[in-house]
């Protein structure tokens, strides 16, 4: 099987969450379910015991094992792997793949080895155009559109409600039959190309990832549409997957755990000062990105990411 230019034998060589996530997306759901069931049985656990240890609902696990869930969340599979005492790559069958040469990873002059990039307002311009298009399509005043949007945004970004739930609630508030927010967003989002080019450069020199407050499915959709670079990210912290949003402490805790480095070696680039302040209190390095002046902001980031001699 070929996946984004890599033969199946090369997956583990990248050693990245991105690779395993793409493999999960490509795998036959029944085949994945069988692997998980076999691993559970090998560990001598019942479904109830595994659910308890992995903090999963019984219905979720049974659906995964019988192949009723297409592409379960990588975080759900990670929880199962941890409860079984095996690596994520081993659980999905990548542990014996040969390795390619590792990246020549560096540290910045301030000691940063892992860089987290925000998405909205850093890698793509913020989505005011989507609000304008939605107001035009529905005939609703702009302030009514934004008021309704922000009323439900935190809940959908935490994964408390689904994107379908969000669309229904938004449509109800606007008095229209239906809304497809994801399509409005994808149709109007604009990449900040200078920053995306810098992200690609950073990927060759540092461990890197995305740390974003975002609705379910949008990160993958943006990568498919080439609105985000399709790179082998070391970590993607999607708020809707971890049930927490910036600036809540939980999302930073998950991000630091996935980074696998001390807080003093993590840099967050974000357009929200509130989000940056929360990270700084945990000992992270921070940089504010001003998407109104992207060229100046990119140069500041580029300077900060210069490797130590």
C-alpha atoms as a PDB file:
ATOM      1  CA  UNK A   1       0.000   0.000   0.000  1.00  0.00           C
ATOM      2  CA  UNK A   2       1.259   3.503  -0.855  1.00  0.00           C
ATOM      3  CA  UNK A   3       0.362   6.394   1.425  1.00  0.00           C
ATOM      4  CA  UNK A   4       1.337   9.990   0.555  1.00  0.00           C
ATOM      5  CA  UNK A   5       4.381   8.733  -1.321  1.00  0.00           C
ATOM      6  CA  UNK A   6       5.607   6.227   1.298  1.00  0.00           C
ATOM      7  CA  UNK A   7       5.551   2.484   0.894  1.00  0.00           C
ATOM      8  CA  UNK A   8       4.011   0.588   3.784  1.00  0.00           C
ATOM      9  CA  UNK A   9       7.445  -0.513   4.953  1.00  0.00           C
ATOM     10  CA  UNK A  10       8.436   3.114   5.520  1.00  0.00           C
ATOM     11  CA  UNK A  11       5.666   4.182   7.913  1.00  0.00           C
ATOM     12  CA  UNK A  12       7.496   3.531  11.145  1.00  0.00           C
ATOM     13  CA  UNK A  13      10.553   5.273   9.765  1.00  0.00           C
ATOM     14  CA  UNK A  14       8.833   8.607  10.238  1.00  0.00           C
ATOM     15  CA  UNK A  15       7.972   7.769  13.823  1.00  0.00           C
ATOM     16  CA  UNK A  16       5.213  10.348  13.821  1.00  0.00           C
ATOM     17  CA  UNK A  17       1.647  10.512  15.022  1.00  0.00           C
ATOM     18  CA  UNK A  18       0.752  11.851  11.557  1.00  0.00           C
ATOM     19  CA  UNK A  19       1.819   8.591   9.923  1.00  0.00           C
ATOM     20  CA  UNK A  20      -0.173   6.384  12.270  1.00  0.00           C
ATOM     21  CA  UNK A  21      -3.181   8.680  11.955  1.00  0.00           C
ATOM     22  CA  UNK A  22      -3.063   8.354   8.166  1.00  0.00           C
ATOM     23  CA  UNK A  23      -2.723   4.582   8.476  1.00  0.00           C
ATOM     24  CA  UNK A  24      -5.813   4.485  10.686  1.00  0.00           C
ATOM     25  CA  UNK A  25      -7.678   6.500   8.058  1.00  0.00           C
ATOM     26  CA  UNK A  26      -6.580   4.073   5.330  1.00  0.00           C
ATOM     27  CA  UNK A  27      -7.128   0.802   7.237  1.00  0.00           C
ATOM     28  CA  UNK A  28     -10.161  -1.383   6.755  1.00  0.00           C
ATOM     29  CA  UNK A  29     -12.251  -0.857   9.885  1.00  0.00           C
ATOM     30  CA  UNK A  30     -12.861  -4.583  10.345  1.00  0.00           C
ATOM     31  CA  UNK A  31      -9.141  -5.290  10.050  1.00  0.00           C
ATOM     32  CA  UNK A  32      -8.372  -2.674  12.690  1.00  0.00           C
ATOM     33  CA  UNK A  33     -11.107  -4.027  14.937  1.00  0.00           C
ATOM     34  CA  UNK A  34      -9.641  -7.518  14.656  1.00  0.00           C
ATOM     35  CA  UNK A  35      -6.159  -6.251  15.579  1.00  0.00           C
ATOM     36  CA  UNK A  36      -7.501  -4.510  18.658  1.00  0.00           C
ATOM     37  CA  UNK A  37      -9.546  -7.532  19.691  1.00  0.00           C
ATOM     38  CA  UNK A  38      -6.557  -9.849  19.309  1.00  0.00           C
ATOM     39  CA  UNK A  39      -4.361  -7.502  21.341  1.00  0.00           C
ATOM     40  CA  UNK A  40      -6.986  -7.310  24.089  1.00  0.00           C
ATOM     41  CA  UNK A  41      -7.356 -11.060  24.237  1.00  0.00           C
ATOM     42  CA  UNK A  42      -3.578 -11.507  24.251  1.00  0.00           C
ATOM     43  CA  UNK A  43      -3.439  -9.201  27.277  1.00  0.00           C
ATOM     44  CA  UNK A  44      -6.088 -11.334  28.984  1.00  0.00           C
ATOM     45  CA  UNK A  45      -8.604  -8.533  29.341  1.00  0.00           C
ATOM     46  CA  UNK A  46     -12.351  -8.579  28.888  1.00  0.00           C
ATOM     47  CA  UNK A  47     -14.012  -5.745  27.031  1.00  0.00           C
ATOM     48  CA  UNK A  48     -15.305  -4.364  30.329  1.00  0.00           C
ATOM     49  CA  UNK A  49     -11.826  -4.421  31.869  1.00  0.00           C
ATOM     50  CA  UNK A  50     -10.258  -2.677  28.887  1.00  0.00           C
ATOM     51  CA  UNK A  51     -12.976  -0.031  28.884  1.00  0.00           C
ATOM     52  CA  UNK A  52     -12.268   0.698  32.533  1.00  0.00           C
ATOM     53  CA  UNK A  53      -8.494   0.924  32.042  1.00  0.00           C
ATOM     54  CA  UNK A  54      -8.707   2.975  28.841  1.00  0.00           C
ATOM     55  CA  UNK A  55     -11.546   5.194  30.111  1.00  0.00           C
ATOM     56  CA  UNK A  56     -13.755   4.257  27.154  1.00  0.00           C
ATOM     57  CA  UNK A  57     -17.444   3.575  26.950  1.00  0.00           C
ATOM     58  CA  UNK A  58     -18.400  -0.062  26.408  1.00  0.00           C
ATOM     59  CA  UNK A  59     -20.381   0.802  23.289  1.00  0.00           C
ATOM     60  CA  UNK A  60     -17.388   2.578  21.708  1.00  0.00           C
ATOM     61  CA  UNK A  61     -15.059  -0.364  22.222  1.00  0.00           C
ATOM     62  CA  UNK A  62     -17.531  -2.948  20.979  1.00  0.00           C
ATOM     63  CA  UNK A  63     -18.225  -0.885  17.862  1.00  0.00           C
ATOM     64  CA  UNK A  64     -14.501  -0.521  17.127  1.00  0.00           C
ATOM     65  CA  UNK A  65     -13.862  -4.246  17.580  1.00  0.00           C
ATOM     66  CA  UNK A  66     -16.653  -5.257  15.244  1.00  0.00           C
ATOM     67  CA  UNK A  67     -15.569  -2.669  12.640  1.00  0.00           C
ATOM     68  CA  UNK A  68     -18.566  -0.378  13.002  1.00  0.00           C
ATOM     69  CA  UNK A  69     -16.491   2.793  13.411  1.00  0.00           C
ATOM     70  CA  UNK A  70     -14.565   4.077  10.420  1.00  0.00           C
ATOM     71  CA  UNK A  71     -11.202   5.629  11.360  1.00  0.00           C
ATOM     72  CA  UNK A  72     -11.552   5.891  15.164  1.00  0.00           C
ATOM     73  CA  UNK A  73      -9.698   8.800  16.752  1.00  0.00           C
ATOM     74  CA  UNK A  74      -5.964   8.267  17.143  1.00  0.00           C
ATOM     75  CA  UNK A  75      -6.368   9.361  20.770  1.00  0.00           C
ATOM     76  CA  UNK A  76      -8.909   6.608  21.375  1.00  0.00           C
ATOM     77  CA  UNK A  77      -6.550   4.030  19.862  1.00  0.00           C
ATOM     78  CA  UNK A  78      -3.684   5.500  21.904  1.00  0.00           C
ATOM     79  CA  UNK A  79      -5.737   5.045  25.080  1.00  0.00           C
ATOM     80  CA  UNK A  80      -6.333   1.409  24.150  1.00  0.00           C
ATOM     81  CA  UNK A  81      -2.625   0.880  23.406  1.00  0.00           C
ATOM     82  CA  UNK A  82      -1.616   2.409  26.753  1.00  0.00           C
ATOM     83  CA  UNK A  83      -4.119   0.253  28.636  1.00  0.00           C
ATOM     84  CA  UNK A  84      -2.753  -2.845  26.876  1.00  0.00           C
ATOM     85  CA  UNK A  85       0.835  -1.868  27.603  1.00  0.00           C
ATOM     86  CA  UNK A  86       1.905  -1.767  23.945  1.00  0.00           C
ATOM     87  CA  UNK A  87       3.061   0.974  21.621  1.00  0.00           C
ATOM     88  CA  UNK A  88       0.620   2.619  19.263  1.00  0.00           C
ATOM     89  CA  UNK A  89       2.677   1.559  16.233  1.00  0.00           C
ATOM     90  CA  UNK A  90       2.792  -2.033  17.496  1.00  0.00           C
ATOM     91  CA  UNK A  91      -0.958  -2.095  18.037  1.00  0.00           C
ATOM     92  CA  UNK A  92      -1.691  -1.075  14.446  1.00  0.00           C
ATOM     93  CA  UNK A  93       1.007  -3.333  13.024  1.00  0.00           C
ATOM     94  CA  UNK A  94       3.836  -0.926  12.194  1.00  0.00           C
ATOM     95  CA  UNK A  95       6.379  -1.931  14.820  1.00  0.00           C
ATOM     96  CA  UNK A  96       8.519  -4.092  12.529  1.00  0.00           C
ATOM     97  CA  UNK A  97       8.880  -1.583   9.710  1.00  0.00           C
ATOM     98  CA  UNK A  98      12.455  -0.594   8.843  1.00  0.00           C
ATOM     99  CA  UNK A  99      13.678   2.862   9.798  1.00  0.00           C
ATOM    100  CA  UNK A 100      14.909   5.628   7.554  1.00  0.00           C
ATOM    101  CA  UNK A 101      17.583   8.083   8.704  1.00  0.00           C
ATOM    102  CA  UNK A 102      16.315  10.399  11.421  1.00  0.00           C
ATOM    103  CA  UNK A 103      15.975  14.139  10.967  1.00  0.00           C
ATOM    104  CA  UNK A 104      18.906  16.279  11.998  1.00  0.00           C
ATOM    105  CA  UNK A 105      17.007  17.841  14.879  1.00  0.00           C
ATOM    106  CA  UNK A 106      18.243  21.063  16.396  1.00  0.00           C
ATOM    107  CA  UNK A 107      17.590  23.479  19.254  1.00  0.00           C
ATOM    108  CA  UNK A 108      17.098  27.208  18.966  1.00  0.00           C
ATOM    109  CA  UNK A 109      19.379  29.690  20.690  1.00  0.00           C
ATOM    110  CA  UNK A 110      16.847  29.823  23.543  1.00  0.00           C
ATOM    111  CA  UNK A 111      16.778  26.035  23.902  1.00  0.00           C
ATOM    112  CA  UNK A 112      13.539  25.230  22.042  1.00  0.00           C
ATOM    113  CA  UNK A 113      13.369  21.765  20.470  1.00  0.00           C
ATOM    114  CA  UNK A 114       9.598  21.463  19.830  1.00  0.00           C
ATOM    115  CA  UNK A 115       7.478  24.088  18.067  1.00  0.00           C
ATOM    116  CA  UNK A 116       3.680  24.193  18.217  1.00  0.00           C
ATOM    117  CA  UNK A 117       1.861  26.256  15.580  1.00  0.00           C
ATOM    118  CA  UNK A 118      -1.670  27.549  16.010  1.00  0.00           C
ATOM    119  CA  UNK A 119      -3.860  27.192  12.912  1.00  0.00           C
ATOM    120  CA  UNK A 120      -6.478  29.962  12.696  1.00  0.00           C
ATOM    121  CA  UNK A 121      -4.727  33.312  12.705  1.00  0.00           C
ATOM    122  CA  UNK A 122      -1.265  31.816  12.222  1.00  0.00           C
ATOM    123  CA  UNK A 123      -1.202  29.316   9.354  1.00  0.00           C
ATOM    124  CA  UNK A 124      -4.433  30.573   7.810  1.00  0.00           C
ATOM    125  CA  UNK A 125      -6.092  33.952   8.083  1.00  0.00           C
ATOM    126  CA  UNK A 126      -8.935  34.141  10.544  1.00  0.00           C
ATOM    127  CA  UNK A 127     -12.323  33.303   9.072  1.00  0.00           C
ATOM    128  CA  UNK A 128     -14.152  36.661   8.977  1.00  0.00           C
ATOM    129  CA  UNK A 129     -14.920  36.041   5.285  1.00  0.00           C
ATOM    130  CA  UNK A 130     -16.936  32.954   6.256  1.00  0.00           C
ATOM    131  CA  UNK A 131     -19.079  35.094   8.558  1.00  0.00           C
ATOM    132  CA  UNK A 132     -19.668  37.569   5.730  1.00  0.00           C
ATOM    133  CA  UNK A 133     -20.633  34.817   3.284  1.00  0.00           C
ATOM    134  CA  UNK A 134     -22.983  33.213   5.807  1.00  0.00           C
ATOM    135  CA  UNK A 135     -24.652  36.574   6.498  1.00  0.00           C
ATOM    136  CA  UNK A 136     -25.075  37.147   2.768  1.00  0.00           C
ATOM    137  CA  UNK A 137     -26.530  33.675   2.178  1.00  0.00           C
ATOM    138  CA  UNK A 138     -28.965  33.755   5.096  1.00  0.00           C
ATOM    139  CA  UNK A 139     -29.894  37.431   5.047  1.00  0.00           C
ATOM    140  CA  UNK A 140     -29.041  37.664   8.732  1.00  0.00           C
ATOM    141  CA  UNK A 141     -27.221  40.758  10.046  1.00  0.00           C
ATOM    142  CA  UNK A 142     -23.490  40.255  10.600  1.00  0.00           C
ATOM    143  CA  UNK A 143     -23.744  40.768  14.365  1.00  0.00           C
ATOM    144  CA  UNK A 144     -26.495  38.148  14.609  1.00  0.00           C
ATOM    145  CA  UNK A 145     -24.352  35.640  12.685  1.00  0.00           C
ATOM    146  CA  UNK A 146     -21.319  36.157  14.901  1.00  0.00           C
ATOM    147  CA  UNK A 147     -23.335  36.187  18.122  1.00  0.00           C
ATOM    148  CA  UNK A 148     -24.905  32.841  17.220  1.00  0.00           C
ATOM    149  CA  UNK A 149     -21.572  31.414  16.076  1.00  0.00           C
ATOM    150  CA  UNK A 150     -19.632  32.317  19.208  1.00  0.00           C
ATOM    151  CA  UNK A 151     -22.466  31.107  21.438  1.00  0.00           C
ATOM    152  CA  UNK A 152     -21.800  27.498  20.343  1.00  0.00           C
ATOM    153  CA  UNK A 153     -18.182  27.659  19.176  1.00  0.00           C
ATOM    154  CA  UNK A 154     -16.512  26.593  22.431  1.00  0.00           C
ATOM    155  CA  UNK A 155     -18.765  23.563  22.816  1.00  0.00           C
ATOM    156  CA  UNK A 156     -18.111  22.255  19.302  1.00  0.00           C
ATOM    157  CA  UNK A 157     -14.373  22.930  19.589  1.00  0.00           C
ATOM    158  CA  UNK A 158     -14.324  20.955  22.853  1.00  0.00           C
ATOM    159  CA  UNK A 159     -16.187  18.114  21.159  1.00  0.00           C
ATOM    160  CA  UNK A 160     -19.112  18.528  23.547  1.00  0.00           C
ATOM    161  CA  UNK A 161     -21.413  18.798  20.528  1.00  0.00           C
ATOM    162  CA  UNK A 162     -20.855  17.452  17.022  1.00  0.00           C
ATOM    163  CA  UNK A 163     -20.415  19.575  13.930  1.00  0.00           C
ATOM    164  CA  UNK A 164     -23.898  18.480  12.819  1.00  0.00           C
ATOM    165  CA  UNK A 165     -25.282  19.634  16.176  1.00  0.00           C
ATOM    166  CA  UNK A 166     -23.503  22.940  15.727  1.00  0.00           C
ATOM    167  CA  UNK A 167     -24.924  23.394  12.224  1.00  0.00           C
ATOM    168  CA  UNK A 168     -28.450  22.667  13.454  1.00  0.00           C
ATOM    169  CA  UNK A 169     -28.182  25.057  16.393  1.00  0.00           C
ATOM    170  CA  UNK A 170     -26.666  27.783  14.211  1.00  0.00           C
ATOM    171  CA  UNK A 171     -29.385  27.371  11.582  1.00  0.00           C
ATOM    172  CA  UNK A 172     -32.055  27.527  14.269  1.00  0.00           C
ATOM    173  CA  UNK A 173     -30.646  30.752  15.717  1.00  0.00           C
ATOM    174  CA  UNK A 174     -30.461  32.300  12.238  1.00  0.00           C
ATOM    175  CA  UNK A 175     -33.940  31.132  11.298  1.00  0.00           C
ATOM    176  CA  UNK A 176     -32.877  29.163   8.222  1.00  0.00           C
ATOM    177  CA  UNK A 177     -33.406  25.569   7.170  1.00  0.00           C
ATOM    178  CA  UNK A 178     -29.787  24.480   7.319  1.00  0.00           C
ATOM    179  CA  UNK A 179     -26.152  25.599   7.548  1.00  0.00           C
ATOM    180  CA  UNK A 180     -22.968  23.802   6.505  1.00  0.00           C
ATOM    181  CA  UNK A 181     -20.347  25.729   8.450  1.00  0.00           C
ATOM    182  CA  UNK A 182     -17.475  23.491   7.361  1.00  0.00           C
ATOM    183  CA  UNK A 183     -18.148  24.305   3.722  1.00  0.00           C
ATOM    184  CA  UNK A 184     -18.344  28.054   4.397  1.00  0.00           C
ATOM    185  CA  UNK A 185     -15.065  27.784   6.269  1.00  0.00           C
ATOM    186  CA  UNK A 186     -13.233  25.725   3.614  1.00  0.00           C
ATOM    187  CA  UNK A 187     -14.514  27.934   0.798  1.00  0.00           C
ATOM    188  CA  UNK A 188     -13.209  31.128   2.377  1.00  0.00           C
ATOM    189  CA  UNK A 189     -10.142  30.219   4.444  1.00  0.00           C
ATOM    190  CA  UNK A 190      -6.902  31.733   3.128  1.00  0.00           C
ATOM    191  CA  UNK A 191      -3.484  30.210   3.841  1.00  0.00           C
ATOM    192  CA  UNK A 192      -0.777  32.526   5.157  1.00  0.00           C
ATOM    193  CA  UNK A 193       1.773  31.251   2.664  1.00  0.00           C
ATOM    194  CA  UNK A 194       4.883  32.767   4.251  1.00  0.00           C
ATOM    195  CA  UNK A 195       4.057  31.083   7.543  1.00  0.00           C
ATOM    196  CA  UNK A 196       3.272  27.760   5.910  1.00  0.00           C
ATOM    197  CA  UNK A 197       6.620  27.889   4.106  1.00  0.00           C
ATOM    198  CA  UNK A 198       8.316  28.539   7.439  1.00  0.00           C
ATOM    199  CA  UNK A 199       6.438  25.599   8.962  1.00  0.00           C
ATOM    200  CA  UNK A 200       7.860  23.344   6.236  1.00  0.00           C
ATOM    201  CA  UNK A 201      11.367  24.587   6.992  1.00  0.00           C
ATOM    202  CA  UNK A 202      10.831  24.073  10.731  1.00  0.00           C
ATOM    203  CA  UNK A 203       9.705  20.485  10.083  1.00  0.00           C
ATOM    204  CA  UNK A 204      13.198  19.667   8.799  1.00  0.00           C
ATOM    205  CA  UNK A 205      14.967  21.087  11.845  1.00  0.00           C
ATOM    206  CA  UNK A 206      12.720  20.667  14.873  1.00  0.00           C
ATOM    207  CA  UNK A 207      10.026  18.447  16.260  1.00  0.00           C
ATOM    208  CA  UNK A 208       6.805  20.255  15.451  1.00  0.00           C
ATOM    209  CA  UNK A 209       3.053  20.095  15.682  1.00  0.00           C
ATOM    210  CA  UNK A 210      -0.287  21.859  15.569  1.00  0.00           C
ATOM    211  CA  UNK A 211      -2.072  23.080  18.700  1.00  0.00           C
ATOM    212  CA  UNK A 212      -5.459  24.402  17.717  1.00  0.00           C
ATOM    213  CA  UNK A 213      -8.943  25.222  18.920  1.00  0.00           C
ATOM    214  CA  UNK A 214     -10.905  23.782  16.029  1.00  0.00           C
ATOM    215  CA  UNK A 215     -14.087  21.962  15.091  1.00  0.00           C
ATOM    216  CA  UNK A 216     -14.174  18.204  14.489  1.00  0.00           C
ATOM    217  CA  UNK A 217     -12.779  17.114  11.137  1.00  0.00           C
ATOM    218  CA  UNK A 218     -11.486  20.495   9.998  1.00  0.00           C
ATOM    219  CA  UNK A 219      -7.768  19.740  10.363  1.00  0.00           C
ATOM    220  CA  UNK A 220      -8.010  16.667   8.150  1.00  0.00           C
ATOM    221  CA  UNK A 221     -10.270  18.484   5.685  1.00  0.00           C
ATOM    222  CA  UNK A 222      -7.797  21.371   5.412  1.00  0.00           C
ATOM    223  CA  UNK A 223      -4.931  18.978   4.786  1.00  0.00           C
ATOM    224  CA  UNK A 224      -6.907  17.208   2.067  1.00  0.00           C
ATOM    225  CA  UNK A 225      -7.668  20.581   0.447  1.00  0.00           C
ATOM    226  CA  UNK A 226      -3.993  21.659   0.722  1.00  0.00           C
ATOM    227  CA  UNK A 227      -4.991  24.550   2.957  1.00  0.00           C
ATOM    228  CA  UNK A 228      -2.591  23.174   5.565  1.00  0.00           C
ATOM    229  CA  UNK A 229       0.759  21.553   4.718  1.00  0.00           C
ATOM    230  CA  UNK A 230       0.432  17.763   4.666  1.00  0.00           C
ATOM    231  CA  UNK A 231       3.560  17.090   6.708  1.00  0.00           C
ATOM    232  CA  UNK A 232       4.574  14.308   9.124  1.00  0.00           C
ATOM    233  CA  UNK A 233       3.614  16.228  12.267  1.00  0.00           C
ATOM    234  CA  UNK A 234       5.073  14.937  15.506  1.00  0.00           C
ATOM    235  CA  UNK A 235       1.819  15.870  17.244  1.00  0.00           C
ATOM    236  CA  UNK A 236      -1.553  17.312  16.291  1.00  0.00           C
ATOM    237  CA  UNK A 237      -3.455  18.580  19.307  1.00  0.00           C
ATOM    238  CA  UNK A 238      -7.002  19.079  18.056  1.00  0.00           C
ATOM    239  CA  UNK A 239      -9.202  20.591  20.774  1.00  0.00           C
ATOM    240  CA  UNK A 240     -12.236  18.600  19.628  1.00  0.00           C
ATOM    241  CA  UNK A 241     -10.258  15.376  20.129  1.00  0.00           C
ATOM    242  CA  UNK A 242      -8.901  16.154  23.616  1.00  0.00           C
ATOM    243  CA  UNK A 243     -12.095  17.776  24.976  1.00  0.00           C
ATOM    244  CA  UNK A 244     -10.342  20.994  26.004  1.00  0.00           C
ATOM    245  CA  UNK A 245      -9.613  24.346  24.387  1.00  0.00           C
ATOM    246  CA  UNK A 246      -6.907  26.941  24.846  1.00  0.00           C
ATOM    247  CA  UNK A 247      -6.391  28.575  27.329  1.00  0.00           C
ATOM    248  CA  UNK A 248      -7.580  25.658  29.514  1.00  0.00           C
ATOM    249  CA  UNK A 249      -4.729  23.888  31.297  1.00  0.00           C
ATOM    250  CA  UNK A 250      -5.729  20.420  30.078  1.00  0.00           C
ATOM    251  CA  UNK A 251      -4.951  21.050  26.411  1.00  0.00           C
ATOM    252  CA  UNK A 252      -1.436  22.259  27.255  1.00  0.00           C
ATOM    253  CA  UNK A 253      -0.873  19.236  29.483  1.00  0.00           C
ATOM    254  CA  UNK A 254      -1.806  16.917  26.608  1.00  0.00           C
ATOM    255  CA  UNK A 255       0.359  18.911  24.211  1.00  0.00           C
ATOM    256  CA  UNK A 256       3.398  18.727  26.476  1.00  0.00           C
ATOM    257  CA  UNK A 257       2.921  15.002  27.002  1.00  0.00           C
ATOM    258  CA  UNK A 258       2.747  14.408  23.250  1.00  0.00           C
ATOM    259  CA  UNK A 259       5.749  16.634  22.615  1.00  0.00           C
ATOM    260  CA  UNK A 260       7.838  14.431  24.885  1.00  0.00           C
ATOM    261  CA  UNK A 261      10.168  17.256  25.926  1.00  0.00           C
ATOM    262  CA  UNK A 262      10.361  19.522  28.998  1.00  0.00           C
ATOM    263  CA  UNK A 263       8.167  22.618  29.097  1.00  0.00           C
ATOM    264  CA  UNK A 264      11.287  24.773  28.795  1.00  0.00           C
ATOM    265  CA  UNK A 265      11.916  23.319  25.303  1.00  0.00           C
ATOM    266  CA  UNK A 266       8.453  24.032  23.839  1.00  0.00           C
ATOM    267  CA  UNK A 267       7.573  27.122  21.805  1.00  0.00           C
ATOM    268  CA  UNK A 268       3.947  28.076  21.052  1.00  0.00           C
ATOM    269  CA  UNK A 269       3.230  30.461  18.174  1.00  0.00           C
ATOM    270  CA  UNK A 270      -0.308  31.813  18.511  1.00  0.00           C
ATOM    271  CA  UNK A 271      -2.317  34.916  17.615  1.00  0.00           C
ATOM    272  CA  UNK A 272      -4.072  35.043  21.014  1.00  0.00           C
ATOM    273  CA  UNK A 273      -2.264  36.666  23.927  1.00  0.00           C
ATOM    274  CA  UNK A 274      -4.558  34.864  26.374  1.00  0.00           C
ATOM    275  CA  UNK A 275      -3.483  31.496  24.940  1.00  0.00           C
ATOM    276  CA  UNK A 276       0.159  32.540  25.073  1.00  0.00           C
ATOM    277  CA  UNK A 277      -0.079  33.685  28.685  1.00  0.00           C
ATOM    278  CA  UNK A 278      -1.514  30.318  29.714  1.00  0.00           C
ATOM    279  CA  UNK A 279       1.394  28.535  28.006  1.00  0.00           C
ATOM    280  CA  UNK A 280       3.987  30.859  29.533  1.00  0.00           C
ATOM    281  CA  UNK A 281       2.685  30.121  33.026  1.00  0.00           C
ATOM    282  CA  UNK A 282       3.517  26.459  32.375  1.00  0.00           C
ATOM    283  CA  UNK A 283       7.091  27.321  31.454  1.00  0.00           C
ATOM    284  CA  UNK A 284       6.754  27.331  27.667  1.00  0.00           C
ATOM    285  CA  UNK A 285       8.353  29.826  25.311  1.00  0.00           C
ATOM    286  CA  UNK A 286       5.778  31.898  23.418  1.00  0.00           C
ATOM    287  CA  UNK A 287       5.593  34.142  20.345  1.00  0.00           C
ATOM    288  CA  UNK A 288       2.628  36.307  19.351  1.00  0.00           C
ATOM    289  CA  UNK A 289       1.711  36.146  15.662  1.00  0.00           C
ATOM    290  CA  UNK A 290       0.025  39.182  14.129  1.00  0.00           C
ATOM    291  CA  UNK A 291      -1.848  38.010  11.036  1.00  0.00           C
ATOM    292  CA  UNK A 292      -2.624  41.641  10.135  1.00  0.00           C
ATOM    293  CA  UNK A 293       1.118  42.048   9.484  1.00  0.00           C
ATOM    294  CA  UNK A 294       2.123  38.544   8.371  1.00  0.00           C
ATOM    295  CA  UNK A 295       5.428  39.480   6.746  1.00  0.00           C
ATOM    296  CA  UNK A 296       6.713  41.176   9.891  1.00  0.00           C
ATOM    297  CA  UNK A 297       5.359  38.400  12.084  1.00  0.00           C
ATOM    298  CA  UNK A 298       6.971  35.662   9.984  1.00  0.00           C
ATOM    299  CA  UNK A 299      10.362  37.387  10.207  1.00  0.00           C
ATOM    300  CA  UNK A 300      10.076  37.480  14.006  1.00  0.00           C
ATOM    301  CA  UNK A 301       9.285  33.774  14.063  1.00  0.00           C
ATOM    302  CA  UNK A 302      12.073  32.977  11.616  1.00  0.00           C
ATOM    303  CA  UNK A 303      14.579  34.846  13.789  1.00  0.00           C
ATOM    304  CA  UNK A 304      13.425  33.006  16.917  1.00  0.00           C
ATOM    305  CA  UNK A 305      13.784  29.646  15.170  1.00  0.00           C
ATOM    306  CA  UNK A 306      17.382  30.126  14.118  1.00  0.00           C
ATOM    307  CA  UNK A 307      19.344  27.113  15.389  1.00  0.00           C
ATOM    308  CA  UNK A 308      21.957  27.488  18.079  1.00  0.00           C
ATOM    309  CA  UNK A 309      25.549  27.323  16.836  1.00  0.00           C
END
